[in-house]
Amino acid sequence: MRARIIPVADSGDTVPEDTVVRDLLRETPPRLPPWLGYDETGSRLFERITELPIYHLTRVERRLLERHSPEIAKLLACERLAELGSGSAKKTRLLLESHLRLHLRRRPGPTAAATATATATAYLPIDVDRSMLETSAAALCADLDGLEVTGLWGRYEAGLEWLRTHPGGPLAVAFLGSGFGNATRAERDALLGEIARTLGRGEGLLLSADLDKGREALETCYNDPPGHSAFADFRLNYLTRLNDRYGADFALDDFVPDAVYNAETSTVEGRLRALTDQEVSVPGLGITLGLPRGALLNVGYSVKFDEQRLAREVGAHGFALRSRWLDEEARYGLFLFRRHED
């Protein structure tokens, strides 16, 4: 089966992208939305981060999915799986493989291939990087018989709106890679509201979350080890995006990237620190930023949860925690919630 990619536009109820970027740059300190960093270059740089020896999240999540995908697929009980921020979908492939095996066992036929084709499962990845969507979708369709892939190219809100206006079989939403923590509480609440509007009663939400381990472990995890520059390059790419997209005149050499842990909010903050006094013009947004030496730009939140906090946040939007799977050291978890209100 062939994959298809559909551009999805934000509705009139959604704040336009340029307005979001402008408003966040006017905050103190200025910050940038996570999705701005994920062009083709940013996606490739993030893949390099996942390969760093100090970055445990991807490896731990993959092991959890290798171990528990059959059980998770059975509990999700969906015909359509949508994923927010799908990226390369390397880990999601494990879940899709388990789902397809389960589907085939339930519907025996003359041949596995014929049965899979007749009872296709739909995967609907949502991502802002079209190139990554095309690559991952083509690979999945080539390798997994019975899988239909419809890539939704755009922001999460636009993808969820598309799902609401294109109903189908039982749906589940996955948000892997601990991406749920890459936002403020208000932004997380707004996204959970969108997901709750998209899922019906009994449908599932699979979230992964990195659990709080304290300053030393987390600052080690989110800063480049000696001899590497993956985090630095990824964070500086945000400035390249502003220069390319909005005609800004950021000089990348005038900033130093790092990450610090904020114990008050249990958040790792990715930052760019100005090395000199500077005034940066962003003509495409109609603003100028005055940045004194030492000023910070926030280019990434990564909130760290405990299980109770996560259950409360998600539960406030009509979800009940159904199951969870943690690694042996309780560093990371997969959490399956079920929608229980209309």
Protein backbone atom coordinates (compact mmCIF):
# COMPACT_ATOMS: atom_id res chain seq x y z
CA MET A 1 0.00 0.00 0.00
CA ARG A 2 1.15 3.53 -0.71
CA ALA A 3 1.45 6.26 1.88
CA ARG A 4 -0.09 9.65 1.35
CA ILE A 5 0.80 13.00 2.93
CA ILE A 6 -1.93 15.56 3.57
CA PRO A 7 -1.14 19.18 4.46
CA VAL A 8 -3.41 20.18 7.34
CA ALA A 9 -4.13 23.84 8.00
CA ASP A 10 -4.89 25.45 11.35
CA SER A 11 -8.54 26.40 11.79
CA GLY A 12 -9.78 29.92 12.43
CA ASP A 13 -9.89 29.07 16.14
CA THR A 14 -6.14 28.38 16.28
CA VAL A 15 -3.61 31.13 16.87
CA PRO A 16 -1.55 31.54 13.65
CA GLU A 17 2.03 30.28 13.74
CA ASP A 18 3.62 33.71 13.22
CA THR A 19 1.56 35.17 16.06
CA VAL A 20 2.67 32.36 18.38
CA VAL A 21 6.35 32.96 17.57
CA ARG A 22 6.01 36.74 17.97
CA ASP A 23 4.22 36.47 21.32
CA LEU A 24 6.74 34.00 22.73
CA LEU A 25 9.68 36.18 21.66
CA ARG A 26 8.10 39.02 23.65
CA GLU A 27 8.07 36.97 26.86
CA THR A 28 10.71 37.41 29.57
CA PRO A 29 12.92 35.60 28.82
CA PRO A 30 12.05 35.21 25.14
CA ARG A 31 11.29 31.64 24.09
CA LEU A 32 10.48 29.68 20.97
CA PRO A 33 7.86 26.97 20.34
CA PRO A 34 9.20 23.41 20.11
CA TRP A 35 7.79 22.80 16.64
CA LEU A 36 9.88 25.64 15.15
CA GLY A 37 13.04 23.56 15.57
CA TYR A 38 11.81 20.58 13.57
CA ASP A 39 12.51 21.36 9.98
CA GLU A 40 14.44 18.76 7.97
CA THR A 41 17.73 19.85 9.54
CA GLY A 42 16.31 19.99 13.06
CA SER A 43 14.82 16.51 12.77
CA ARG A 44 18.17 15.13 11.64
CA LEU A 45 19.95 16.89 14.52
CA PHE A 46 17.49 15.51 17.02
CA GLU A 47 18.16 12.00 15.75
CA ARG A 48 21.83 12.66 16.62
CA ILE A 49 20.77 13.62 20.16
CA THR A 50 18.98 10.30 20.59
CA GLU A 51 22.25 8.50 19.81
CA LEU A 52 24.27 10.29 22.50
CA PRO A 53 25.53 7.94 25.24
CA ILE A 54 24.19 10.24 27.99
CA TYR A 55 20.67 10.56 26.51
CA HIS A 56 18.77 7.63 28.02
CA LEU A 57 15.21 8.53 27.03
CA THR A 58 15.06 7.01 23.56
CA ARG A 59 16.82 3.77 24.52
CA VAL A 60 14.70 3.24 27.63
CA GLU A 61 11.47 3.95 25.75
CA ARG A 62 12.45 1.55 22.99
CA ARG A 63 13.14 -1.22 25.50
CA LEU A 64 9.75 -0.64 27.10
CA LEU A 65 8.05 -0.88 23.72
CA GLU A 66 10.03 -3.99 22.76
CA ARG A 67 8.89 -5.63 25.96
CA HIS A 68 5.31 -4.43 26.25
CA SER A 69 4.04 -3.58 22.72
CA PRO A 70 1.84 -6.71 22.45
CA GLU A 71 0.06 -5.86 25.70
CA ILE A 72 -0.24 -2.17 24.79
CA ALA A 73 -1.63 -2.96 21.33
CA LYS A 74 -4.22 -5.27 22.86
CA LEU A 75 -5.32 -2.63 25.38
CA LEU A 76 -5.48 0.15 22.79
CA ALA A 77 -7.93 -1.94 20.74
CA CYS A 78 -7.96 0.59 17.90
CA GLU A 79 -8.21 0.48 14.13
CA ARG A 80 -6.59 3.91 13.69
CA LEU A 81 -3.50 5.08 15.56
CA ALA A 82 -2.61 8.78 15.37
CA GLU A 83 0.73 9.97 16.68
CA LEU A 84 1.75 13.50 17.65
CA GLY A 85 5.30 14.42 16.64
CA SER A 86 5.96 11.09 14.96
CA GLY A 87 9.45 11.91 13.68
CA SER A 88 11.18 8.82 12.28
CA ALA A 89 8.52 6.51 13.85
CA LYS A 90 11.28 4.00 14.66
CA LYS A 91 9.83 3.20 18.08
CA THR A 92 6.22 3.40 16.93
CA ARG A 93 7.00 0.69 14.39
CA LEU A 94 7.22 -1.78 17.31
CA LEU A 95 3.68 -0.91 18.38
CA LEU A 96 2.37 -1.10 14.81
CA GLU A 97 3.98 -4.51 14.29
CA SER A 98 2.33 -5.83 17.46
CA HIS A 99 -1.01 -4.37 16.42
CA LEU A 100 -0.85 -5.99 12.99
CA ARG A 101 0.09 -9.38 14.46
CA LEU A 102 -2.85 -9.14 16.85
CA HIS A 103 -5.14 -8.14 14.00
CA LEU A 104 -4.10 -11.12 11.91
CA ARG A 105 -4.63 -13.60 14.75
CA ARG A 106 -8.16 -12.31 15.22
CA ARG A 107 -9.00 -12.51 11.50
CA PRO A 108 -7.50 -15.68 10.02
CA GLY A 109 -7.68 -15.99 6.29
CA PRO A 110 -6.25 -17.95 3.38
CA THR A 111 -2.94 -16.05 3.51
CA ALA A 112 -1.49 -13.55 5.91
CA ALA A 113 -0.83 -10.99 3.18
CA ALA A 114 -4.35 -11.20 1.78
CA THR A 115 -5.89 -10.93 5.23
CA ALA A 116 -3.71 -7.99 6.20
CA THR A 117 -4.62 -6.13 3.03
CA ALA A 118 -8.32 -6.76 3.51
CA THR A 119 -8.31 -5.53 7.11
CA ALA A 120 -5.81 -2.71 6.89
CA THR A 121 -4.78 -0.78 9.96
CA ALA A 122 -4.43 2.99 9.65
CA TYR A 123 -1.50 4.94 11.05
CA LEU A 124 -1.87 8.72 11.05
CA PRO A 125 1.39 10.44 12.04
CA ILE A 126 1.22 14.21 12.67
CA ASP A 127 4.46 16.16 12.18
CA VAL A 128 5.70 19.57 10.98
CA ASP A 129 8.56 18.04 9.00
CA ARG A 130 7.17 16.88 5.65
CA SER A 131 10.42 15.23 4.57
CA MET A 132 10.50 13.09 7.70
CA LEU A 133 6.84 12.16 7.24
CA GLU A 134 7.46 11.06 3.66
CA THR A 135 10.52 9.02 4.55
CA SER A 136 9.03 7.25 7.56
CA ALA A 137 5.67 6.63 5.88
CA ALA A 138 7.28 5.08 2.81
CA ALA A 139 9.46 2.81 4.94
CA LEU A 140 6.53 1.61 7.06
CA CYS A 141 4.33 0.87 4.05
CA ALA A 142 7.15 -1.02 2.36
CA ASP A 143 7.83 -3.18 5.41
CA LEU A 144 4.43 -3.75 7.05
CA ASP A 145 1.74 -5.48 5.03
CA GLY A 146 -1.74 -4.30 5.86
CA LEU A 147 -0.71 -0.86 7.10
CA GLU A 148 -2.15 2.29 5.57
CA VAL A 149 -0.24 5.48 6.40
CA THR A 150 -1.76 8.93 6.07
CA GLY A 151 0.76 11.54 7.17
CA LEU A 152 -0.77 14.76 8.45
CA TRP A 153 1.68 17.57 7.75
CA GLY A 154 1.20 20.42 10.20
CA ARG A 155 0.92 21.36 13.85
CA TYR A 156 -0.72 19.07 16.39
CA GLU A 157 -3.86 21.18 16.62
CA ALA A 158 -4.39 21.08 12.86
CA GLY A 159 -3.86 17.32 12.74
CA LEU A 160 -6.32 16.73 15.56
CA GLU A 161 -8.87 18.96 13.84
CA TRP A 162 -8.45 16.89 10.66
CA LEU A 163 -9.12 13.71 12.65
CA ARG A 164 -12.31 15.20 14.10
CA THR A 165 -13.61 16.02 10.62
CA HIS A 166 -12.60 12.68 9.10
CA PRO A 167 -14.18 10.00 11.30
CA GLY A 168 -13.39 6.32 10.95
CA GLY A 169 -12.90 3.23 13.08
CA PRO A 170 -11.88 3.22 16.75
CA LEU A 171 -9.07 5.73 17.29
CA ALA A 172 -6.15 6.00 19.70
CA VAL A 173 -3.63 8.84 20.05
CA ALA A 174 0.02 8.27 20.93
CA PHE A 175 2.43 10.95 22.11
CA LEU A 176 5.81 9.27 22.52
CA GLY A 177 9.33 10.54 23.04
CA SER A 178 8.27 12.40 26.23
CA GLY A 179 7.09 15.24 23.96
CA PHE A 180 4.18 15.95 26.30
CA GLY A 181 6.64 17.63 28.65
CA ASN A 182 7.94 20.08 26.03
CA ALA A 183 5.44 22.79 26.94
CA THR A 184 4.15 24.92 29.78
CA ARG A 185 1.25 23.75 31.94
CA ALA A 186 -1.17 26.03 30.08
CA GLU A 187 0.02 24.69 26.74
CA ARG A 188 -0.27 21.10 27.95
CA ASP A 189 -3.81 21.75 29.17
CA ALA A 190 -4.77 23.27 25.82
CA LEU A 191 -3.37 20.25 23.95
CA LEU A 192 -5.10 17.78 26.26
CA GLY A 193 -8.34 19.64 25.58
CA GLU A 194 -7.81 19.16 21.84
CA ILE A 195 -7.07 15.45 22.30
CA ALA A 196 -10.14 15.02 24.53
CA ARG A 197 -12.30 16.62 21.82
CA THR A 198 -10.86 14.18 19.27
CA LEU A 199 -11.23 10.89 21.17
CA GLY A 200 -14.56 9.29 21.99
CA ARG A 201 -15.59 7.48 25.13
CA GLY A 202 -13.36 4.45 25.77
CA GLU A 203 -10.68 5.44 23.26
CA GLY A 204 -7.07 5.48 24.38
CA LEU A 205 -4.26 8.01 24.84
CA LEU A 206 -0.73 6.59 25.15
CA LEU A 207 1.74 9.05 26.66
CA SER A 208 5.39 8.59 27.50
CA ALA A 209 6.96 10.70 30.25
CA ASP A 210 10.43 11.13 31.64
CA LEU A 211 10.36 10.95 35.43
CA ASP A 212 12.14 13.39 37.74
CA LYS A 213 15.63 12.27 38.70
CA GLY A 214 17.11 15.49 40.12
CA ARG A 215 19.56 18.10 38.91
CA GLU A 216 22.78 16.13 38.39
CA ALA A 217 21.27 13.32 36.33
CA LEU A 218 19.12 15.60 34.19
CA GLU A 219 21.73 18.27 33.44
CA THR A 220 24.11 15.48 32.41
CA CYS A 221 21.42 14.06 30.14
CA TYR A 222 20.61 17.38 28.40
CA ASN A 223 24.09 18.79 27.78
CA ASP A 224 26.64 17.57 25.24
CA PRO A 225 29.35 15.27 26.59
CA PRO A 226 32.96 16.10 25.59
CA GLY A 227 33.55 15.63 21.88
CA HIS A 228 29.88 16.02 20.88
CA SER A 229 27.77 18.97 19.68
CA ALA A 230 24.35 17.47 18.98
CA PHE A 231 22.46 19.49 21.60
CA ALA A 232 24.33 22.69 20.74
CA ASP A 233 23.67 22.31 17.01
CA PHE A 234 20.00 21.48 17.60
CA ARG A 235 19.46 24.55 19.81
CA LEU A 236 21.32 26.90 17.47
CA ASN A 237 19.17 25.64 14.59
CA TYR A 238 16.27 27.58 16.13
CA LEU A 239 18.13 30.79 15.32
CA THR A 240 18.82 29.55 11.79
CA ARG A 241 15.09 28.94 11.42
CA LEU A 242 14.31 32.51 12.57
CA ASN A 243 16.88 33.89 10.13
CA ASP A 244 15.56 31.83 7.21
CA ARG A 245 11.85 32.14 7.91
CA TYR A 246 11.56 35.70 9.22
CA GLY A 247 14.67 37.42 7.88
CA ALA A 248 16.18 37.78 11.36
CA ASP A 249 19.85 38.66 11.75
CA PHE A 250 20.91 36.41 14.62
CA ALA A 251 24.66 35.70 14.61
CA LEU A 252 24.97 32.12 15.82
CA ASP A 253 28.53 32.65 17.07
CA ASP A 254 27.20 35.23 19.56
CA PHE A 255 25.30 32.59 21.56
CA VAL A 256 26.30 29.68 23.78
CA PRO A 257 23.80 26.79 24.17
CA ASP A 258 23.28 24.91 27.43
CA ALA A 259 20.59 23.36 29.63
CA VAL A 260 19.82 23.80 33.32
CA TYR A 261 17.39 22.10 35.69
CA ASN A 262 14.77 24.25 37.43
CA ALA A 263 13.89 22.39 40.64
CA GLU A 264 10.88 24.63 41.35
CA THR A 265 9.09 23.50 38.21
CA SER A 266 10.83 20.11 37.70
CA THR A 267 11.86 21.34 34.27
CA VAL A 268 14.99 21.14 32.17
CA GLU A 269 15.32 24.43 30.27
CA GLY A 270 17.27 24.46 27.01
CA ARG A 271 18.81 27.91 26.55
CA LEU A 272 20.90 30.13 24.34
CA ARG A 273 22.96 32.72 26.25
CA ALA A 274 24.03 35.95 24.53
CA LEU A 275 27.80 36.53 24.65
CA THR A 276 27.55 40.24 23.75
CA ASP A 277 25.12 43.14 23.94
CA GLN A 278 23.11 42.95 20.74
CA GLU A 279 20.02 44.16 18.97
CA VAL A 280 18.43 41.61 16.69
CA SER A 281 15.91 42.53 14.03
CA VAL A 282 13.15 40.09 13.09
CA PRO A 283 11.48 41.91 10.17
CA GLY A 284 9.14 39.07 9.26
CA LEU A 285 7.50 39.46 12.67
CA GLY A 286 7.85 43.22 12.90
CA ILE A 287 9.90 43.16 16.11
CA THR A 288 13.38 43.95 17.37
CA LEU A 289 14.95 42.17 20.33
CA GLY A 290 17.32 43.98 22.65
CA LEU A 291 19.55 41.32 24.19
CA PRO A 292 22.18 42.44 26.72
CA ARG A 293 25.19 40.27 27.37
CA GLY A 294 24.09 37.23 29.40
CA ALA A 295 20.47 37.43 28.21
CA LEU A 296 18.78 34.07 27.67
CA LEU A 297 16.58 32.67 24.92
CA ASN A 298 14.55 29.62 25.93
CA VAL A 299 14.59 27.01 23.16
CA GLY A 300 13.07 24.05 24.95
CA TYR A 301 11.18 22.98 28.03
CA SER A 302 11.37 19.39 29.20
CA VAL A 303 9.10 18.89 32.19
CA LYS A 304 9.82 15.90 34.42
CA PHE A 305 6.87 14.22 36.10
CA ASP A 306 6.00 11.94 38.94
CA GLU A 307 3.19 9.49 38.33
CA GLN A 308 0.66 11.29 40.51
CA ARG A 309 1.25 14.65 38.84
CA LEU A 310 0.86 13.16 35.38
CA ALA A 311 -2.34 11.31 36.32
CA ARG A 312 -3.85 14.50 37.78
CA GLU A 313 -3.02 16.63 34.76
CA VAL A 314 -4.38 14.20 32.20
CA GLY A 315 -7.29 13.12 34.43
CA ALA A 316 -8.55 16.71 34.60
CA HIS A 317 -9.51 16.39 30.92
CA GLY A 318 -11.73 13.33 31.21
CA PHE A 319 -9.14 10.56 31.12
CA ALA A 320 -8.52 7.71 33.56
CA LEU A 321 -5.19 5.95 33.89
CA ARG A 322 -5.63 2.38 32.66
CA SER A 323 -2.09 0.94 32.76
CA ARG A 324 1.51 2.03 33.03
CA TRP A 325 4.89 0.48 32.29
CA LEU A 326 8.11 1.72 33.92
CA ASP A 327 11.73 0.76 33.38
CA GLU A 328 13.56 -1.07 36.14
CA GLU A 329 14.98 2.11 37.67
CA ALA A 330 11.68 4.05 37.42
CA ARG A 331 13.36 6.64 35.21
CA TYR A 332 10.81 6.62 32.41
CA GLY A 333 7.29 5.39 31.77
CA LEU A 334 4.58 4.65 29.24
CA PHE A 335 1.09 5.57 30.46
CA LEU A 336 -2.17 4.45 28.88
CA PHE A 337 -5.22 6.58 29.60
CA ARG A 338 -8.82 5.90 28.61
CA ARG A 339 -11.34 8.62 27.70
CA HIS A 340 -14.28 8.32 30.09
CA GLU A 341 -16.35 11.46 29.40
CA ASP A 342 -18.09 12.88 26.35
